[in-house]
PDB file of N, CA and C in Angstrom:
ATOM      1  N   MET A   1      22.477 -10.950   6.745  1.00  0.00           N
ATOM      2  CA  MET A   1      21.027 -10.794   6.954  1.00  0.00           C
ATOM      3  C   MET A   1      20.317 -11.783   6.059  1.00  0.00           C
ATOM      4  N   GLN A   2      19.256 -12.403   6.560  1.00  0.00           N
ATOM      5  CA  GLN A   2      18.521 -13.366   5.806  1.00  0.00           C
ATOM      6  C   GLN A   2      17.682 -12.677   4.749  1.00  0.00           C
ATOM      7  N   GLU A   3      17.479 -13.431   3.647  1.00  0.00           N
ATOM      8  CA  GLU A   3      16.706 -12.847   2.531  1.00  0.00           C
ATOM      9  C   GLU A   3      15.289 -12.462   2.962  1.00  0.00           C
ATOM     10  N   LYS A   4      14.677 -13.310   3.830  1.00  0.00           N
ATOM     11  CA  LYS A   4      13.348 -12.976   4.331  1.00  0.00           C
ATOM     12  C   LYS A   4      13.298 -11.636   5.038  1.00  0.00           C
ATOM     13  N   MET A   5      14.296 -11.387   5.873  1.00  0.00           N
ATOM     14  CA  MET A   5      14.332 -10.111   6.589  1.00  0.00           C
ATOM     15  C   MET A   5      14.579  -8.922   5.608  1.00  0.00           C
ATOM     16  N   MET A   6      15.410  -9.137   4.595  1.00  0.00           N
ATOM     17  CA  MET A   6      15.653  -8.089   3.612  1.00  0.00           C
ATOM     18  C   MET A   6      14.395  -7.750   2.846  1.00  0.00           C
ATOM     19  N   VAL A   7      13.632  -8.771   2.512  1.00  0.00           N
ATOM     20  CA  VAL A   7      12.368  -8.538   1.751  1.00  0.00           C
ATOM     21  C   VAL A   7      11.427  -7.790   2.675  1.00  0.00           C
ATOM     22  N   ALA A   8      11.287  -8.199   3.911  1.00  0.00           N
ATOM     23  CA  ALA A   8      10.411  -7.510   4.857  1.00  0.00           C
ATOM     24  C   ALA A   8      10.813  -6.044   5.070  1.00  0.00           C
ATOM     25  N   ASP A   9      12.089  -5.805   5.233  1.00  0.00           N
ATOM     26  CA  ASP A   9      12.582  -4.450   5.410  1.00  0.00           C
ATOM     27  C   ASP A   9      12.300  -3.578   4.187  1.00  0.00           C
ATOM     28  N   THR A  10      12.500  -4.178   3.002  1.00  0.00           N
ATOM     29  CA  THR A  10      12.279  -3.456   1.779  1.00  0.00           C
ATOM     30  C   THR A  10      10.804  -3.117   1.570  1.00  0.00           C
ATOM     31  N   LEU A  11       9.947  -4.059   1.892  1.00  0.00           N
ATOM     32  CA  LEU A  11       8.496  -3.814   1.824  1.00  0.00           C
ATOM     33  C   LEU A  11       8.107  -2.720   2.787  1.00  0.00           C
ATOM     34  N   ALA A  12       8.622  -2.725   3.978  1.00  0.00           N
ATOM     35  CA  ALA A  12       8.310  -1.704   4.979  1.00  0.00           C
ATOM     36  C   ALA A  12       8.797  -0.320   4.479  1.00  0.00           C
ATOM     37  N   GLY A  13       9.970  -0.270   3.864  1.00  0.00           N
ATOM     38  CA  GLY A  13      10.468   0.966   3.300  1.00  0.00           C
ATOM     39  C   GLY A  13       9.622   1.487   2.193  1.00  0.00           C
ATOM     40  N   ILE A  14       9.203   0.585   1.273  1.00  0.00           N
ATOM     41  CA  ILE A  14       8.337   0.976   0.187  1.00  0.00           C
ATOM     42  C   ILE A  14       6.998   1.498   0.703  1.00  0.00           C
ATOM     43  N   ASN A  15       6.447   0.836   1.710  1.00  0.00           N
ATOM     44  CA  ASN A  15       5.148   1.288   2.249  1.00  0.00           C
ATOM     45  C   ASN A  15       5.303   2.681   2.882  1.00  0.00           C
ATOM     46  N   GLY A  16       6.439   2.963   3.468  1.00  0.00           N
ATOM     47  CA  GLY A  16       6.679   4.299   3.991  1.00  0.00           C
ATOM     48  C   GLY A  16       6.785   5.335   2.901  1.00  0.00           C
ATOM     49  N   GLU A  17       7.441   4.977   1.800  1.00  0.00           N
ATOM     50  CA  GLU A  17       7.520   5.859   0.644  1.00  0.00           C
ATOM     51  C   GLU A  17       6.127   6.190   0.102  1.00  0.00           C
ATOM     52  N   LEU A  18       5.280   5.161  -0.026  1.00  0.00           N
ATOM     53  CA  LEU A  18       3.924   5.340  -0.494  1.00  0.00           C
ATOM     54  C   LEU A  18       3.144   6.322   0.360  1.00  0.00           C
ATOM     55  N   THR A  19       3.350   6.213   1.667  1.00  0.00           N
ATOM     56  CA  THR A  19       2.666   7.140   2.602  1.00  0.00           C
ATOM     57  C   THR A  19       3.150   8.567   2.363  1.00  0.00           C
ATOM     58  N   ARG A  20       4.495   8.737   2.174  1.00  0.00           N
ATOM     59  CA  ARG A  20       5.036  10.060   1.940  1.00  0.00           C
ATOM     60  C   ARG A  20       4.554  10.644   0.598  1.00  0.00           C
ATOM     61  N   TYR A  21       4.504   9.792  -0.435  1.00  0.00           N
ATOM     62  CA  TYR A  21       4.002  10.282  -1.743  1.00  0.00           C
ATOM     63  C   TYR A  21       2.551  10.792  -1.559  1.00  0.00           C
ATOM     64  N   ALA A  22       1.724  10.033  -0.860  1.00  0.00           N
ATOM     65  CA  ALA A  22       0.317  10.429  -0.671  1.00  0.00           C
ATOM     66  C   ALA A  22       0.249  11.815  -0.010  1.00  0.00           C
ATOM     67  N   GLY A  23       1.071  12.046   0.981  1.00  0.00           N
ATOM     68  CA  GLY A  23       1.061  13.337   1.692  1.00  0.00           C
ATOM     69  C   GLY A  23       1.503  14.452   0.765  1.00  0.00           C
ATOM     70  N   MET A  24       2.580  14.210  -0.029  1.00  0.00           N
ATOM     71  CA  MET A  24       3.077  15.257  -0.946  1.00  0.00           C
ATOM     72  C   MET A  24       2.065  15.524  -2.016  1.00  0.00           C
ATOM     73  N   ILE A  25       1.439  14.535  -2.558  1.00  0.00           N
ATOM     74  CA  ILE A  25       0.434  14.735  -3.613  1.00  0.00           C
ATOM     75  C   ILE A  25      -0.732  15.575  -3.106  1.00  0.00           C
ATOM     76  N   ALA A  26      -1.186  15.243  -1.922  1.00  0.00           N
ATOM     77  CA  ALA A  26      -2.313  15.960  -1.338  1.00  0.00           C
ATOM     78  C   ALA A  26      -1.990  17.428  -1.059  1.00  0.00           C
ATOM     79  N   GLN A  27      -0.739  17.746  -0.778  1.00  0.00           N
ATOM     80  CA  GLN A  27      -0.370  19.103  -0.398  1.00  0.00           C
ATOM     81  C   GLN A  27       0.143  19.947  -1.550  1.00  0.00           C
ATOM     82  N   SER A  28       0.351  19.359  -2.706  1.00  0.00           N
ATOM     83  CA  SER A  28       0.914  20.070  -3.852  1.00  0.00           C
ATOM     84  C   SER A  28      -0.199  20.821  -4.592  1.00  0.00           C
ATOM     85  N   GLU A  29       0.114  22.100  -4.901  1.00  0.00           N
ATOM     86  CA  GLU A  29      -0.802  22.891  -5.703  1.00  0.00           C
ATOM     87  C   GLU A  29      -0.385  22.885  -7.164  1.00  0.00           C
ATOM     88  N   ASN A  30       0.913  22.622  -7.445  1.00  0.00           N
ATOM     89  CA  ASN A  30       1.444  22.641  -8.783  1.00  0.00           C
ATOM     90  C   ASN A  30       1.010  21.367  -9.518  1.00  0.00           C
ATOM     91  N   LYS A  31       0.226  21.544 -10.593  1.00  0.00           N
ATOM     92  CA  LYS A  31      -0.305  20.369 -11.314  1.00  0.00           C
ATOM     93  C   LYS A  31       0.798  19.508 -11.912  1.00  0.00           C
ATOM     94  N   GLU A  32       1.853  20.144 -12.421  1.00  0.00           N
ATOM     95  CA  GLU A  32       2.951  19.364 -13.040  1.00  0.00           C
ATOM     96  C   GLU A  32       3.669  18.553 -11.969  1.00  0.00           C
ATOM     97  N   LEU A  33       3.942  19.159 -10.831  1.00  0.00           N
ATOM     98  CA  LEU A  33       4.588  18.473  -9.709  1.00  0.00           C
ATOM     99  C   LEU A  33       3.694  17.358  -9.226  1.00  0.00           C
ATOM    100  N   LYS A  34       2.410  17.629  -9.111  1.00  0.00           N
ATOM    101  CA  LYS A  34       1.449  16.619  -8.643  1.00  0.00           C
ATOM    102  C   LYS A  34       1.428  15.378  -9.602  1.00  0.00           C
ATOM    103  N   SER A  35       1.464  15.704 -10.907  1.00  0.00           N
ATOM    104  CA  SER A  35       1.448  14.630 -11.893  1.00  0.00           C
ATOM    105  C   SER A  35       2.722  13.788 -11.781  1.00  0.00           C
ATOM    106  N   THR A  36       3.867  14.468 -11.636  1.00  0.00           N
ATOM    107  CA  THR A  36       5.118  13.744 -11.479  1.00  0.00           C
ATOM    108  C   THR A  36       5.153  12.845 -10.248  1.00  0.00           C
ATOM    109  N   LEU A  37       4.641  13.380  -9.149  1.00  0.00           N
ATOM    110  CA  LEU A  37       4.579  12.641  -7.909  1.00  0.00           C
ATOM    111  C   LEU A  37       3.666  11.412  -8.077  1.00  0.00           C
ATOM    112  N   LYS A  38       2.567  11.574  -8.775  1.00  0.00           N
ATOM    113  CA  LYS A  38       1.663  10.428  -9.003  1.00  0.00           C
ATOM    114  C   LYS A  38       2.349   9.353  -9.843  1.00  0.00           C
ATOM    115  N   GLN A  39       3.114   9.769 -10.837  1.00  0.00           N
ATOM    116  CA  GLN A  39       3.853   8.788 -11.630  1.00  0.00           C
ATOM    117  C   GLN A  39       4.875   8.068 -10.800  1.00  0.00           C
ATOM    118  N   MET A  40       5.570   8.805  -9.910  1.00  0.00           N
ATOM    119  CA  MET A  40       6.555   8.152  -9.018  1.00  0.00           C
ATOM    120  C   MET A  40       5.857   7.217  -8.045  1.00  0.00           C
ATOM    121  N   ARG A  41       4.690   7.625  -7.534  1.00  0.00           N
ATOM    122  CA  ARG A  41       3.933   6.771  -6.626  1.00  0.00           C
ATOM    123  C   ARG A  41       3.493   5.514  -7.309  1.00  0.00           C
ATOM    124  N   ASN A  42       3.009   5.652  -8.579  1.00  0.00           N
ATOM    125  CA  ASN A  42       2.545   4.485  -9.327  1.00  0.00           C
ATOM    126  C   ASN A  42       3.691   3.478  -9.561  1.00  0.00           C
ATOM    127  N   ALA A  43       4.883   4.003  -9.878  1.00  0.00           N
ATOM    128  CA  ALA A  43       6.057   3.121 -10.053  1.00  0.00           C
ATOM    129  C   ALA A  43       6.413   2.431  -8.723  1.00  0.00           C
ATOM    130  N   CYS A  44       6.303   3.133  -7.639  1.00  0.00           N
ATOM    131  CA  CYS A  44       6.594   2.599  -6.323  1.00  0.00           C
ATOM    132  C   CYS A  44       5.558   1.502  -5.994  1.00  0.00           C
ATOM    133  N   GLU A  45       4.283   1.761  -6.288  1.00  0.00           N
ATOM    134  CA  GLU A  45       3.255   0.737  -6.078  1.00  0.00           C
ATOM    135  C   GLU A  45       3.504  -0.502  -6.854  1.00  0.00           C
ATOM    136  N   GLN A  46       3.979  -0.343  -8.083  1.00  0.00           N
ATOM    137  CA  GLN A  46       4.282  -1.497  -8.966  1.00  0.00           C
ATOM    138  C   GLN A  46       5.416  -2.318  -8.347  1.00  0.00           C
ATOM    139  N   SER A  47       6.449  -1.623  -7.846  1.00  0.00           N
ATOM    140  CA  SER A  47       7.597  -2.315  -7.214  1.00  0.00           C
ATOM    141  C   SER A  47       7.081  -3.033  -5.968  1.00  0.00           C
ATOM    142  N   GLN A  48       6.241  -2.429  -5.223  1.00  0.00           N
ATOM    143  CA  GLN A  48       5.695  -3.020  -3.986  1.00  0.00           C
ATOM    144  C   GLN A  48       4.947  -4.291  -4.347  1.00  0.00           C
ATOM    145  N   GLU A  49       4.137  -4.264  -5.367  1.00  0.00           N
ATOM    146  CA  GLU A  49       3.342  -5.382  -5.770  1.00  0.00           C
ATOM    147  C   GLU A  49       4.211  -6.559  -6.260  1.00  0.00           C
ATOM    148  N   GLU A  50       5.265  -6.212  -7.035  1.00  0.00           N
ATOM    149  CA  GLU A  50       6.161  -7.237  -7.510  1.00  0.00           C
ATOM    150  C   GLU A  50       6.894  -7.900  -6.328  1.00  0.00           C
ATOM    151  N   LEU A  51       7.361  -7.118  -5.410  1.00  0.00           N
ATOM    152  CA  LEU A  51       8.080  -7.669  -4.261  1.00  0.00           C
ATOM    153  C   LEU A  51       7.144  -8.441  -3.361  1.00  0.00           C
ATOM    154  N   TYR A  52       5.897  -8.015  -3.258  1.00  0.00           N
ATOM    155  CA  TYR A  52       4.879  -8.713  -2.496  1.00  0.00           C
ATOM    156  C   TYR A  52       4.644 -10.086  -3.102  1.00  0.00           C
ATOM    157  N   GLN A  53       4.540 -10.170  -4.435  1.00  0.00           N
ATOM    158  CA  GLN A  53       4.308 -11.434  -5.102  1.00  0.00           C
ATOM    159  C   GLN A  53       5.489 -12.390  -4.887  1.00  0.00           C
ATOM    160  N   ILE A  54       6.727 -11.877  -4.890  1.00  0.00           N
ATOM    161  CA  ILE A  54       7.872 -12.711  -4.616  1.00  0.00           C
ATOM    162  C   ILE A  54       7.805 -13.231  -3.170  1.00  0.00           C
ATOM    163  N   ALA A  55       7.458 -12.370  -2.244  1.00  0.00           N
ATOM    164  CA  ALA A  55       7.390 -12.729  -0.828  1.00  0.00           C
ATOM    165  C   ALA A  55       6.331 -13.820  -0.666  1.00  0.00           C
ATOM    166  N   ARG A  56       5.233 -13.699  -1.319  1.00  0.00           N
ATOM    167  CA  ARG A  56       4.142 -14.732  -1.224  1.00  0.00           C
ATOM    168  C   ARG A  56       4.600 -16.053  -1.800  1.00  0.00           C
ATOM    169  N   ALA A  57       5.283 -16.001  -2.960  1.00  0.00           N
ATOM    170  CA  ALA A  57       5.701 -17.182  -3.624  1.00  0.00           C
ATOM    171  C   ALA A  57       6.745 -17.960  -2.786  1.00  0.00           C
ATOM    172  N   LYS A  58       7.527 -17.222  -2.006  1.00  0.00           N
ATOM    173  CA  LYS A  58       8.573 -17.865  -1.160  1.00  0.00           C
ATOM    174  C   LYS A  58       8.059 -18.148   0.256  1.00  0.00           C
ATOM    175  N   SER A  59       6.764 -17.882   0.474  1.00  0.00           N
ATOM    176  CA  SER A  59       6.124 -18.038   1.790  1.00  0.00           C
ATOM    177  C   SER A  59       6.780 -17.150   2.870  1.00  0.00           C
ATOM    178  N   TYR A  60       7.330 -15.992   2.456  1.00  0.00           N
ATOM    179  CA  TYR A  60       7.837 -15.047   3.380  1.00  0.00           C
ATOM    180  C   TYR A  60       6.696 -14.214   3.995  1.00  0.00           C
ATOM    181  N   TYR A  61       5.605 -14.178   3.267  1.00  0.00           N
ATOM    182  CA  TYR A  61       4.446 -13.403   3.701  1.00  0.00           C
ATOM    183  C   TYR A  61       3.231 -14.246   3.465  1.00  0.00           C
ATOM    184  N   VAL A  62       2.413 -14.355   4.510  1.00  0.00           N
ATOM    185  CA  VAL A  62       1.135 -15.087   4.390  1.00  0.00           C
ATOM    186  C   VAL A  62       0.055 -14.073   4.729  1.00  0.00           C
ATOM    187  N   PRO A  63      -0.764 -13.702   3.746  1.00  0.00           N
ATOM    188  CA  PRO A  63      -1.821 -12.727   4.018  1.00  0.00           C
ATOM    189  C   PRO A  63      -2.840 -13.215   5.010  1.00  0.00           C
ATOM    190  N   ALA A  64      -3.523 -12.276   5.642  1.00  0.00           N
ATOM    191  CA  ALA A  64      -4.622 -12.635   6.563  1.00  0.00           C
ATOM    192  C   ALA A  64      -5.749 -13.269   5.740  1.00  0.00           C
ATOM    193  N   ALA A  65      -6.619 -13.967   6.434  1.00  0.00           N
ATOM    194  CA  ALA A  65      -7.780 -14.589   5.801  1.00  0.00           C
ATOM    195  C   ALA A  65      -8.666 -13.478   5.215  1.00  0.00           C
ATOM    196  N   GLN A  66      -9.348 -13.814   4.113  1.00  0.00           N
ATOM    197  CA  GLN A  66     -10.248 -12.875   3.511  1.00  0.00           C
ATOM    198  C   GLN A  66     -11.403 -12.543   4.441  1.00  0.00           C
ATOM    199  N   ALA A  67     -11.843 -11.292   4.382  1.00  0.00           N
ATOM    200  CA  ALA A  67     -12.996 -10.883   5.157  1.00  0.00           C
ATOM    201  C   ALA A  67     -14.280 -11.552   4.663  1.00  0.00           C
ATOM    202  N   THR A  68     -15.142 -11.869   5.560  1.00  0.00           N
ATOM    203  CA  THR A  68     -16.437 -12.444   5.196  1.00  0.00           C
ATOM    204  C   THR A  68     -17.318 -11.374   4.591  1.00  0.00           C
ATOM    205  N   ASP A  69     -18.356 -11.780   3.904  1.00  0.00           N
ATOM    206  CA  ASP A  69     -19.307 -10.816   3.361  1.00  0.00           C
ATOM    207  C   ASP A  69     -19.924  -9.929   4.451  1.00  0.00           C
ATOM    208  N   GLU A  70     -20.161 -10.529   5.628  1.00  0.00           N
ATOM    209  CA  GLU A  70     -20.728  -9.772   6.717  1.00  0.00           C
ATOM    210  C   GLU A  70     -19.764  -8.716   7.211  1.00  0.00           C
ATOM    211  N   GLU A  71     -18.460  -9.079   7.310  1.00  0.00           N
ATOM    212  CA  GLU A  71     -17.458  -8.101   7.746  1.00  0.00           C
ATOM    213  C   GLU A  71     -17.340  -6.928   6.758  1.00  0.00           C
ATOM    214  N   VAL A  72     -17.345  -7.269   5.499  1.00  0.00           N
ATOM    215  CA  VAL A  72     -17.263  -6.229   4.476  1.00  0.00           C
ATOM    216  C   VAL A  72     -18.504  -5.329   4.558  1.00  0.00           C
ATOM    217  N   ALA A  73     -19.658  -5.899   4.701  1.00  0.00           N
ATOM    218  CA  ALA A  73     -20.913  -5.096   4.821  1.00  0.00           C
ATOM    219  C   ALA A  73     -20.836  -4.174   6.044  1.00  0.00           C
ATOM    220  N   HIS A  74     -20.319  -4.711   7.125  1.00  0.00           N
ATOM    221  CA  HIS A  74     -20.240  -3.919   8.391  1.00  0.00           C
ATOM    222  C   HIS A  74     -19.292  -2.702   8.164  1.00  0.00           C
ATOM    223  N   VAL A  75     -18.155  -2.912   7.563  1.00  0.00           N
ATOM    224  CA  VAL A  75     -17.222  -1.841   7.340  1.00  0.00           C
ATOM    225  C   VAL A  75     -17.817  -0.804   6.351  1.00  0.00           C
ATOM    226  N   ARG A  76     -18.442  -1.311   5.330  1.00  0.00           N
ATOM    227  CA  ARG A  76     -19.099  -0.452   4.344  1.00  0.00           C
ATOM    228  C   ARG A  76     -20.177   0.412   5.038  1.00  0.00           C
ATOM    229  N   SER A  77     -20.912  -0.177   5.909  1.00  0.00           N
ATOM    230  CA  SER A  77     -21.964   0.591   6.614  1.00  0.00           C
ATOM    231  C   SER A  77     -21.367   1.642   7.494  1.00  0.00           C
ATOM    232  N   LEU A  78     -20.176   1.407   8.034  1.00  0.00           N
ATOM    233  CA  LEU A  78     -19.515   2.451   8.878  1.00  0.00           C
ATOM    234  C   LEU A  78     -19.166   3.675   8.038  1.00  0.00           C
ATOM    235  N   PHE A  79     -18.763   3.413   6.808  1.00  0.00           N
ATOM    236  CA  PHE A  79     -18.361   4.537   5.937  1.00  0.00           C
ATOM    237  C   PHE A  79     -19.518   5.247   5.234  1.00  0.00           C
ATOM    238  N   THR A  80     -20.642   4.594   5.203  1.00  0.00           N
ATOM    239  CA  THR A  80     -21.846   5.216   4.550  1.00  0.00           C
ATOM    240  C   THR A  80     -22.782   5.816   5.589  1.00  0.00           C
ATOM    241  N   SER A  81     -22.541   5.574   6.829  1.00  0.00           N
ATOM    242  CA  SER A  81     -23.381   6.182   7.889  1.00  0.00           C
ATOM    243  C   SER A  81     -22.627   7.358   8.470  1.00  0.00           C
ATOM    244  N   SER A  82     -23.314   8.152   9.245  1.00  0.00           N
ATOM    245  CA  SER A  82     -22.659   9.309   9.872  1.00  0.00           C
ATOM    246  C   SER A  82     -22.100   9.012  11.245  1.00  0.00           C
ATOM    247  N   THR A  83     -22.040   7.741  11.598  1.00  0.00           N
ATOM    248  CA  THR A  83     -21.592   7.357  12.969  1.00  0.00           C
ATOM    249  C   THR A  83     -20.131   6.894  12.950  1.00  0.00           C
ATOM    250  N   LEU A  84     -19.354   7.318  11.984  1.00  0.00           N
ATOM    251  CA  LEU A  84     -17.969   6.893  11.908  1.00  0.00           C
ATOM    252  C   LEU A  84     -17.158   7.508  12.994  1.00  0.00           C
TER     253      LEU A  84
END
């Protein structure tokens, strides 16, 4: 398997883990468990960021163009209005 594919697969797996952590954190009533899950999520996010930086440096990942100020304002207005 090519390195680029391994990096992409790993990033996809990490993103899935982050989604699962978010769900578990939201559903947990136990404060100690919730705190532990948040720590685990934070470590996972750090790993994701490090791998993302490696992927960018090797041109395995090219991010989308930055949103314009108008696009940002439009999305912000969607979340601040009641018409979402």
